[in-house]
Amino acid sequence: MSCVKYGVFVALLNLFTLGAQAQATRSDPVDGQGWYGAGLEFNLPKKWSAELSYQSRFFNDLKTYYGSYLSLSIEKGLSKSFYLLGAYRLSKLTKGTYNRFTGGFVVKRKLGEVKSDLRVIYQNQVQDFDDPAKEDDRDNFVRIRLRARKNLSERIGVIASAEPIYQIANGVQIDNYRFQAGLRYSFAKQASLDVFYINRPDYAKSYKRQYHILGVAFNYELKID
């Protein structure tokens, strides 16, 4: 890895380390988190694709296990640039179980050497509490993500995205933002590893929270004719 690419990685790590102070509280609303996962993508005929992924998360300066996430998503291309998508995610967290359903579309464009996409999705999330005396908690969100990707070499690429997330409850209001930057290293044509940093300001509560997230994800693609 060249000095420039190594410097980018170190900068991302430093940003995460500076933010990873403690679990977010009213007196210190900053938390450092770690997201670690793996995904298997199926490239199917007739512009169909599917992905099965798993992720575990830690918070409180990476000292406390938060939960695990199992997701299945399906995408169908209707044209060269327009795709419909749907997804389901099961989350087994320390505070309960979440079921999340997602539907929306993606518009993909290539500008020179830069691949970009705009994703707009509607998300319904249901929390099943372990306590049977509590009613299920239901939330609805609209998420709009703009992402760009560029290859620096045959094996290394950079990815950046910005995503505001709006909650639908007595109108539409901003819930939080996700600003992400990362590197992708391709071991082979089908296998790659992502190392990324997410800056996540959360303005939905009565005070501001700030999350700094460092993540690692292994990806493998299967082409099925």
C-alpha atoms as a PDB file:
ATOM      1  CA  MET A   1       0.000   0.000   0.000  1.00  0.00           C
ATOM      2  CA  SER A   2       1.366   3.419  -0.985  1.00  0.00           C
ATOM      3  CA  CYS A   3       2.025   6.206   1.546  1.00  0.00           C
ATOM      4  CA  VAL A   4      -1.022   8.130   0.311  1.00  0.00           C
ATOM      5  CA  LYS A   5      -3.382   5.169   0.720  1.00  0.00           C
ATOM      6  CA  TYR A   6      -1.894   4.318   4.106  1.00  0.00           C
ATOM      7  CA  GLY A   7      -2.345   7.945   5.165  1.00  0.00           C
ATOM      8  CA  VAL A   8      -6.035   7.854   4.249  1.00  0.00           C
ATOM      9  CA  PHE A   9      -6.522   4.765   6.398  1.00  0.00           C
ATOM     10  CA  VAL A  10      -4.670   6.310   9.359  1.00  0.00           C
ATOM     11  CA  ALA A  11      -6.735   9.493   9.069  1.00  0.00           C
ATOM     12  CA  LEU A  12      -9.968   7.505   9.231  1.00  0.00           C
ATOM     13  CA  LEU A  13      -8.688   5.596  12.240  1.00  0.00           C
ATOM     14  CA  ASN A  14      -7.674   8.795  14.020  1.00  0.00           C
ATOM     15  CA  LEU A  15     -11.091  10.361  13.448  1.00  0.00           C
ATOM     16  CA  PHE A  16     -12.722   7.315  14.998  1.00  0.00           C
ATOM     17  CA  THR A  17     -10.325   7.237  17.951  1.00  0.00           C
ATOM     18  CA  LEU A  18     -10.900  10.895  18.762  1.00  0.00           C
ATOM     19  CA  GLY A  19     -14.648  10.317  18.908  1.00  0.00           C
ATOM     20  CA  ALA A  20     -14.521   7.051  20.850  1.00  0.00           C
ATOM     21  CA  GLN A  21     -14.735   8.452  24.361  1.00  0.00           C
ATOM     22  CA  ALA A  22     -17.707   6.834  26.094  1.00  0.00           C
ATOM     23  CA  GLN A  23     -21.284   5.722  25.675  1.00  0.00           C
ATOM     24  CA  ALA A  24     -23.523   8.604  24.643  1.00  0.00           C
ATOM     25  CA  THR A  25     -25.195  10.274  27.635  1.00  0.00           C
ATOM     26  CA  ARG A  26     -26.752  13.669  28.302  1.00  0.00           C
ATOM     27  CA  SER A  27     -23.561  14.943  29.901  1.00  0.00           C
ATOM     28  CA  ASP A  28     -21.257  13.388  27.277  1.00  0.00           C
ATOM     29  CA  PRO A  29     -23.273  12.672  24.119  1.00  0.00           C
ATOM     30  CA  VAL A  30     -20.387  11.049  22.200  1.00  0.00           C
ATOM     31  CA  ASP A  31     -19.889   7.340  21.582  1.00  0.00           C
ATOM     32  CA  GLY A  32     -17.383   5.197  19.679  1.00  0.00           C
ATOM     33  CA  GLN A  33     -18.722   2.077  17.993  1.00  0.00           C
ATOM     34  CA  GLY A  34     -17.507  -0.885  15.939  1.00  0.00           C
ATOM     35  CA  TRP A  35     -19.491  -2.601  13.168  1.00  0.00           C
ATOM     36  CA  TYR A  36     -18.136  -5.933  11.840  1.00  0.00           C
ATOM     37  CA  GLY A  37     -19.812  -7.978   9.141  1.00  0.00           C
ATOM     38  CA  ALA A  38     -19.779 -10.167   6.064  1.00  0.00           C
ATOM     39  CA  GLY A  39     -21.959 -10.338   2.978  1.00  0.00           C
ATOM     40  CA  LEU A  40     -22.674 -12.805   0.179  1.00  0.00           C
ATOM     41  CA  GLU A  41     -23.979 -11.270  -3.054  1.00  0.00           C
ATOM     42  CA  PHE A  42     -25.726 -13.262  -5.780  1.00  0.00           C
ATOM     43  CA  ASN A  43     -25.515 -11.828  -9.307  1.00  0.00           C
ATOM     44  CA  LEU A  44     -28.565 -13.387 -11.012  1.00  0.00           C
ATOM     45  CA  PRO A  45     -29.847 -13.426 -14.623  1.00  0.00           C
ATOM     46  CA  LYS A  46     -32.214 -10.811 -16.092  1.00  0.00           C
ATOM     47  CA  LYS A  47     -30.892  -7.965 -13.911  1.00  0.00           C
ATOM     48  CA  TRP A  48     -31.806  -9.641 -10.623  1.00  0.00           C
ATOM     49  CA  SER A  49     -29.455  -9.643  -7.641  1.00  0.00           C
ATOM     50  CA  ALA A  50     -29.699 -10.665  -3.990  1.00  0.00           C
ATOM     51  CA  GLU A  51     -27.519 -10.229  -0.922  1.00  0.00           C
ATOM     52  CA  LEU A  52     -27.371 -12.029   2.412  1.00  0.00           C
ATOM     53  CA  SER A  53     -25.362 -10.252   5.108  1.00  0.00           C
ATOM     54  CA  TYR A  54     -24.529 -10.479   8.803  1.00  0.00           C
ATOM     55  CA  GLN A  55     -23.231  -7.751  11.111  1.00  0.00           C
ATOM     56  CA  SER A  56     -22.364  -7.503  14.815  1.00  0.00           C
ATOM     57  CA  ARG A  57     -22.066  -4.157  16.596  1.00  0.00           C
ATOM     58  CA  PHE A  58     -20.295  -2.923  19.718  1.00  0.00           C
ATOM     59  CA  PHE A  59     -20.721   0.399  21.510  1.00  0.00           C
ATOM     60  CA  ASN A  60     -19.465   2.142  24.675  1.00  0.00           C
ATOM     61  CA  ASP A  61     -15.983   2.648  23.218  1.00  0.00           C
ATOM     62  CA  LEU A  62     -16.200  -0.868  21.668  1.00  0.00           C
ATOM     63  CA  LYS A  63     -16.386  -2.475  25.117  1.00  0.00           C
ATOM     64  CA  THR A  64     -20.061  -3.516  25.104  1.00  0.00           C
ATOM     65  CA  TYR A  65     -21.817  -5.895  22.710  1.00  0.00           C
ATOM     66  CA  TYR A  66     -24.939  -4.280  21.251  1.00  0.00           C
ATOM     67  CA  GLY A  67     -26.434  -6.978  18.999  1.00  0.00           C
ATOM     68  CA  SER A  68     -26.385  -8.828  15.679  1.00  0.00           C
ATOM     69  CA  TYR A  69     -28.137  -8.149  12.376  1.00  0.00           C
ATOM     70  CA  LEU A  70     -29.123 -10.604   9.630  1.00  0.00           C
ATOM     71  CA  SER A  71     -30.314  -9.051   6.367  1.00  0.00           C
ATOM     72  CA  LEU A  72     -31.686 -10.237   3.036  1.00  0.00           C
ATOM     73  CA  SER A  73     -32.079  -7.783   0.147  1.00  0.00           C
ATOM     74  CA  ILE A  74     -33.278  -8.181  -3.452  1.00  0.00           C
ATOM     75  CA  GLU A  75     -32.725  -5.823  -6.378  1.00  0.00           C
ATOM     76  CA  LYS A  76     -34.257  -5.796  -9.867  1.00  0.00           C
ATOM     77  CA  GLY A  77     -33.012  -3.634 -12.731  1.00  0.00           C
ATOM     78  CA  LEU A  78     -35.775  -2.121 -14.868  1.00  0.00           C
ATOM     79  CA  SER A  79     -33.354  -0.262 -17.120  1.00  0.00           C
ATOM     80  CA  LYS A  80     -29.634   0.432 -17.392  1.00  0.00           C
ATOM     81  CA  SER A  81     -29.776   2.946 -14.540  1.00  0.00           C
ATOM     82  CA  PHE A  82     -33.019   2.377 -12.569  1.00  0.00           C
ATOM     83  CA  TYR A  83     -33.427  -0.442 -10.040  1.00  0.00           C
ATOM     84  CA  LEU A  84     -36.142  -1.444  -7.581  1.00  0.00           C
ATOM     85  CA  LEU A  85     -35.139  -2.937  -4.232  1.00  0.00           C
ATOM     86  CA  GLY A  86     -36.629  -4.581  -1.180  1.00  0.00           C
ATOM     87  CA  ALA A  87     -35.069  -5.872   2.043  1.00  0.00           C
ATOM     88  CA  TYR A  88     -35.771  -7.520   5.361  1.00  0.00           C
ATOM     89  CA  ARG A  89     -33.538  -7.347   8.453  1.00  0.00           C
ATOM     90  CA  LEU A  90     -33.785  -9.290  11.705  1.00  0.00           C
ATOM     91  CA  SER A  91     -31.966  -7.629  14.611  1.00  0.00           C
ATOM     92  CA  LYS A  92     -31.304  -9.510  17.842  1.00  0.00           C
ATOM     93  CA  LEU A  93     -30.232  -6.811  20.290  1.00  0.00           C
ATOM     94  CA  THR A  94     -29.586  -6.767  24.016  1.00  0.00           C
ATOM     95  CA  LYS A  95     -32.743  -4.677  24.494  1.00  0.00           C
ATOM     96  CA  GLY A  96     -35.057  -6.703  22.268  1.00  0.00           C
ATOM     97  CA  THR A  97     -35.786  -7.925  18.745  1.00  0.00           C
ATOM     98  CA  TYR A  98     -36.323  -5.713  15.693  1.00  0.00           C
ATOM     99  CA  ASN A  99     -37.936  -6.606  12.368  1.00  0.00           C
ATOM    100  CA  ARG A 100     -37.251  -4.111   9.577  1.00  0.00           C
ATOM    101  CA  PHE A 101     -38.867  -3.999   6.131  1.00  0.00           C
ATOM    102  CA  THR A 102     -37.544  -1.749   3.366  1.00  0.00           C
ATOM    103  CA  GLY A 103     -38.668  -0.827  -0.142  1.00  0.00           C
ATOM    104  CA  GLY A 104     -37.455   1.753  -2.645  1.00  0.00           C
ATOM    105  CA  PHE A 105     -35.339   2.405  -5.706  1.00  0.00           C
ATOM    106  CA  VAL A 106     -31.778   3.161  -6.816  1.00  0.00           C
ATOM    107  CA  VAL A 107     -30.597   5.316  -9.726  1.00  0.00           C
ATOM    108  CA  LYS A 108     -27.074   4.459 -10.911  1.00  0.00           C
ATOM    109  CA  ARG A 109     -24.797   6.657 -12.998  1.00  0.00           C
ATOM    110  CA  LYS A 110     -21.178   6.573 -14.137  1.00  0.00           C
ATOM    111  CA  LEU A 111     -19.337   9.878 -14.512  1.00  0.00           C
ATOM    112  CA  GLY A 112     -15.966   9.142 -16.058  1.00  0.00           C
ATOM    113  CA  GLU A 113     -14.124   6.896 -13.607  1.00  0.00           C
ATOM    114  CA  VAL A 114     -16.569   7.599 -10.785  1.00  0.00           C
ATOM    115  CA  LYS A 115     -19.548   5.309 -10.184  1.00  0.00           C
ATOM    116  CA  SER A 116     -22.403   6.997  -8.336  1.00  0.00           C
ATOM    117  CA  ASP A 117     -25.863   6.010  -7.136  1.00  0.00           C
ATOM    118  CA  LEU A 118     -28.829   7.675  -5.474  1.00  0.00           C
ATOM    119  CA  ARG A 119     -30.881   5.406  -3.198  1.00  0.00           C
ATOM    120  CA  VAL A 120     -34.314   6.386  -1.851  1.00  0.00           C
ATOM    121  CA  ILE A 121     -36.020   3.934   0.516  1.00  0.00           C
ATOM    122  CA  TYR A 122     -38.995   3.732   2.867  1.00  0.00           C
ATOM    123  CA  GLN A 123     -38.288   1.776   6.041  1.00  0.00           C
ATOM    124  CA  ASN A 124     -40.703   0.244   8.562  1.00  0.00           C
ATOM    125  CA  GLN A 125     -39.198  -0.953  11.834  1.00  0.00           C
ATOM    126  CA  VAL A 126     -40.967  -2.938  14.556  1.00  0.00           C
ATOM    127  CA  GLN A 127     -39.421  -3.579  17.996  1.00  0.00           C
ATOM    128  CA  ASP A 128     -40.577  -6.639  19.933  1.00  0.00           C
ATOM    129  CA  PHE A 129     -39.746  -6.099  23.610  1.00  0.00           C
ATOM    130  CA  ASP A 130     -38.666  -8.998  25.813  1.00  0.00           C
ATOM    131  CA  ASP A 131     -41.172  -7.748  28.405  1.00  0.00           C
ATOM    132  CA  PRO A 132     -44.652  -8.979  27.333  1.00  0.00           C
ATOM    133  CA  ALA A 133     -46.220  -6.090  29.239  1.00  0.00           C
ATOM    134  CA  LYS A 134     -44.761  -3.610  26.729  1.00  0.00           C
ATOM    135  CA  GLU A 135     -46.433  -2.926  23.412  1.00  0.00           C
ATOM    136  CA  ASP A 136     -44.457  -3.256  20.190  1.00  0.00           C
ATOM    137  CA  ASP A 137     -42.703  -0.065  19.114  1.00  0.00           C
ATOM    138  CA  ARG A 138     -43.208   0.853  15.447  1.00  0.00           C
ATOM    139  CA  ASP A 139     -41.222   3.496  13.545  1.00  0.00           C
ATOM    140  CA  ASN A 140     -41.195   4.632   9.929  1.00  0.00           C
ATOM    141  CA  PHE A 141     -38.311   6.327   8.121  1.00  0.00           C
ATOM    142  CA  VAL A 142     -37.365   7.729   4.725  1.00  0.00           C
ATOM    143  CA  ARG A 143     -33.672   7.477   3.821  1.00  0.00           C
ATOM    144  CA  ILE A 144     -31.917   9.241   0.926  1.00  0.00           C
ATOM    145  CA  ARG A 145     -28.326   8.163   0.234  1.00  0.00           C
ATOM    146  CA  LEU A 146     -25.925   9.598  -2.349  1.00  0.00           C
ATOM    147  CA  ARG A 147     -22.796   7.460  -2.851  1.00  0.00           C
ATOM    148  CA  ALA A 148     -19.693   7.675  -5.056  1.00  0.00           C
ATOM    149  CA  ARG A 149     -16.994   5.061  -5.744  1.00  0.00           C
ATOM    150  CA  LYS A 150     -13.677   5.298  -7.557  1.00  0.00           C
ATOM    151  CA  ASN A 151     -10.861   2.803  -8.140  1.00  0.00           C
ATOM    152  CA  LEU A 152      -7.380   4.014  -7.198  1.00  0.00           C
ATOM    153  CA  SER A 153      -5.755   0.898  -8.617  1.00  0.00           C
ATOM    154  CA  GLU A 154      -6.720  -2.585  -9.776  1.00  0.00           C
ATOM    155  CA  ARG A 155      -7.244  -3.736  -6.184  1.00  0.00           C
ATOM    156  CA  ILE A 156      -7.947  -0.600  -4.110  1.00  0.00           C
ATOM    157  CA  GLY A 157     -10.915   1.760  -4.327  1.00  0.00           C
ATOM    158  CA  VAL A 158     -12.456   4.563  -2.268  1.00  0.00           C
ATOM    159  CA  ILE A 159     -16.114   4.919  -1.303  1.00  0.00           C
ATOM    160  CA  ALA A 160     -17.907   7.960   0.142  1.00  0.00           C
ATOM    161  CA  SER A 161     -21.577   8.593   0.900  1.00  0.00           C
ATOM    162  CA  ALA A 162     -23.950  10.995   2.631  1.00  0.00           C
ATOM    163  CA  GLU A 163     -27.388   9.983   3.913  1.00  0.00           C
ATOM    164  CA  PRO A 164     -30.000  11.995   5.793  1.00  0.00           C
ATOM    165  CA  ILE A 165     -32.583   9.822   7.580  1.00  0.00           C
ATOM    166  CA  TYR A 166     -36.059  11.241   8.210  1.00  0.00           C
ATOM    167  CA  GLN A 167     -38.567   9.866  10.710  1.00  0.00           C
ATOM    168  CA  ILE A 168     -42.260   9.963   9.828  1.00  0.00           C
ATOM    169  CA  ALA A 169     -44.116  10.743  13.048  1.00  0.00           C
ATOM    170  CA  ASN A 170     -46.600  13.624  13.177  1.00  0.00           C
ATOM    171  CA  GLY A 171     -45.002  14.895  10.007  1.00  0.00           C
ATOM    172  CA  VAL A 172     -41.496  14.410   8.624  1.00  0.00           C
ATOM    173  CA  GLN A 173     -38.483  15.357  10.752  1.00  0.00           C
ATOM    174  CA  ILE A 174     -34.761  14.661  10.540  1.00  0.00           C
ATOM    175  CA  ASP A 175     -33.687  11.740  12.744  1.00  0.00           C
ATOM    176  CA  ASN A 176     -29.960  11.470  12.029  1.00  0.00           C
ATOM    177  CA  TYR A 177     -27.278  11.700   9.343  1.00  0.00           C
ATOM    178  CA  ARG A 178     -24.691   9.208   8.144  1.00  0.00           C
ATOM    179  CA  PHE A 179     -21.519  10.448   6.492  1.00  0.00           C
ATOM    180  CA  GLN A 180     -19.316   7.535   5.431  1.00  0.00           C
ATOM    181  CA  ALA A 181     -15.857   7.184   3.875  1.00  0.00           C
ATOM    182  CA  GLY A 182     -13.834   4.040   3.351  1.00  0.00           C
ATOM    183  CA  LEU A 183     -11.452   1.870   1.380  1.00  0.00           C
ATOM    184  CA  ARG A 184     -12.183  -1.356  -0.504  1.00  0.00           C
ATOM    185  CA  TYR A 185      -9.446  -3.905  -1.094  1.00  0.00           C
ATOM    186  CA  SER A 186     -10.197  -6.603  -3.673  1.00  0.00           C
ATOM    187  CA  PHE A 187      -8.441  -9.916  -3.060  1.00  0.00           C
ATOM    188  CA  ALA A 188      -9.874 -11.335  -6.271  1.00  0.00           C
ATOM    189  CA  LYS A 189     -12.667 -10.548  -8.722  1.00  0.00           C
ATOM    190  CA  GLN A 190     -15.272 -11.975  -6.341  1.00  0.00           C
ATOM    191  CA  ALA A 191     -13.836 -11.187  -2.879  1.00  0.00           C
ATOM    192  CA  SER A 192     -13.207  -7.824  -1.206  1.00  0.00           C
ATOM    193  CA  LEU A 193     -12.757  -6.210   2.201  1.00  0.00           C
ATOM    194  CA  ASP A 194     -14.224  -2.827   3.202  1.00  0.00           C
ATOM    195  CA  VAL A 195     -12.750  -0.680   5.975  1.00  0.00           C
ATOM    196  CA  PHE A 196     -14.898   2.374   6.676  1.00  0.00           C
ATOM    197  CA  TYR A 197     -15.612   5.248   9.052  1.00  0.00           C
ATOM    198  CA  ILE A 198     -19.094   6.688   9.721  1.00  0.00           C
ATOM    199  CA  ASN A 199     -19.779  10.042  11.330  1.00  0.00           C
ATOM    200  CA  ARG A 200     -23.356   9.911  12.625  1.00  0.00           C
ATOM    201  CA  PRO A 201     -24.858  13.057  14.172  1.00  0.00           C
ATOM    202  CA  ASP A 202     -28.191  12.333  15.873  1.00  0.00           C
ATOM    203  CA  TYR A 203     -30.543  15.278  16.354  1.00  0.00           C
ATOM    204  CA  ALA A 204     -33.773  13.416  17.025  1.00  0.00           C
ATOM    205  CA  LYS A 205     -33.560  13.567  20.824  1.00  0.00           C
ATOM    206  CA  SER A 206     -33.824  16.518  23.194  1.00  0.00           C
ATOM    207  CA  TYR A 207     -30.038  16.865  22.933  1.00  0.00           C
ATOM    208  CA  LYS A 208     -27.444  16.197  20.259  1.00  0.00           C
ATOM    209  CA  ARG A 209     -25.613  12.876  20.075  1.00  0.00           C
ATOM    210  CA  GLN A 210     -22.485  12.150  18.066  1.00  0.00           C
ATOM    211  CA  TYR A 211     -21.439   8.645  17.012  1.00  0.00           C
ATOM    212  CA  HIS A 212     -18.050   7.718  15.511  1.00  0.00           C
ATOM    213  CA  ILE A 213     -18.099   4.267  13.922  1.00  0.00           C
ATOM    214  CA  LEU A 214     -15.268   2.154  12.561  1.00  0.00           C
ATOM    215  CA  GLY A 215     -16.364  -0.818  10.504  1.00  0.00           C
ATOM    216  CA  VAL A 216     -14.976  -3.811   8.644  1.00  0.00           C
ATOM    217  CA  ALA A 217     -16.944  -5.940   6.167  1.00  0.00           C
ATOM    218  CA  PHE A 218     -15.932  -8.927   4.030  1.00  0.00           C
ATOM    219  CA  ASN A 219     -17.804  -9.316   0.729  1.00  0.00           C
ATOM    220  CA  TYR A 220     -18.043 -12.215  -1.689  1.00  0.00           C
ATOM    221  CA  GLU A 221     -19.918 -12.238  -5.013  1.00  0.00           C
ATOM    222  CA  LEU A 222     -21.343 -15.261  -6.810  1.00  0.00           C
ATOM    223  CA  LYS A 223     -22.480 -15.053 -10.423  1.00  0.00           C
ATOM    224  CA  ILE A 224     -25.293 -17.418 -11.297  1.00  0.00           C
ATOM    225  CA  ASP A 225     -26.108 -17.773 -15.001  1.00  0.00           C
END
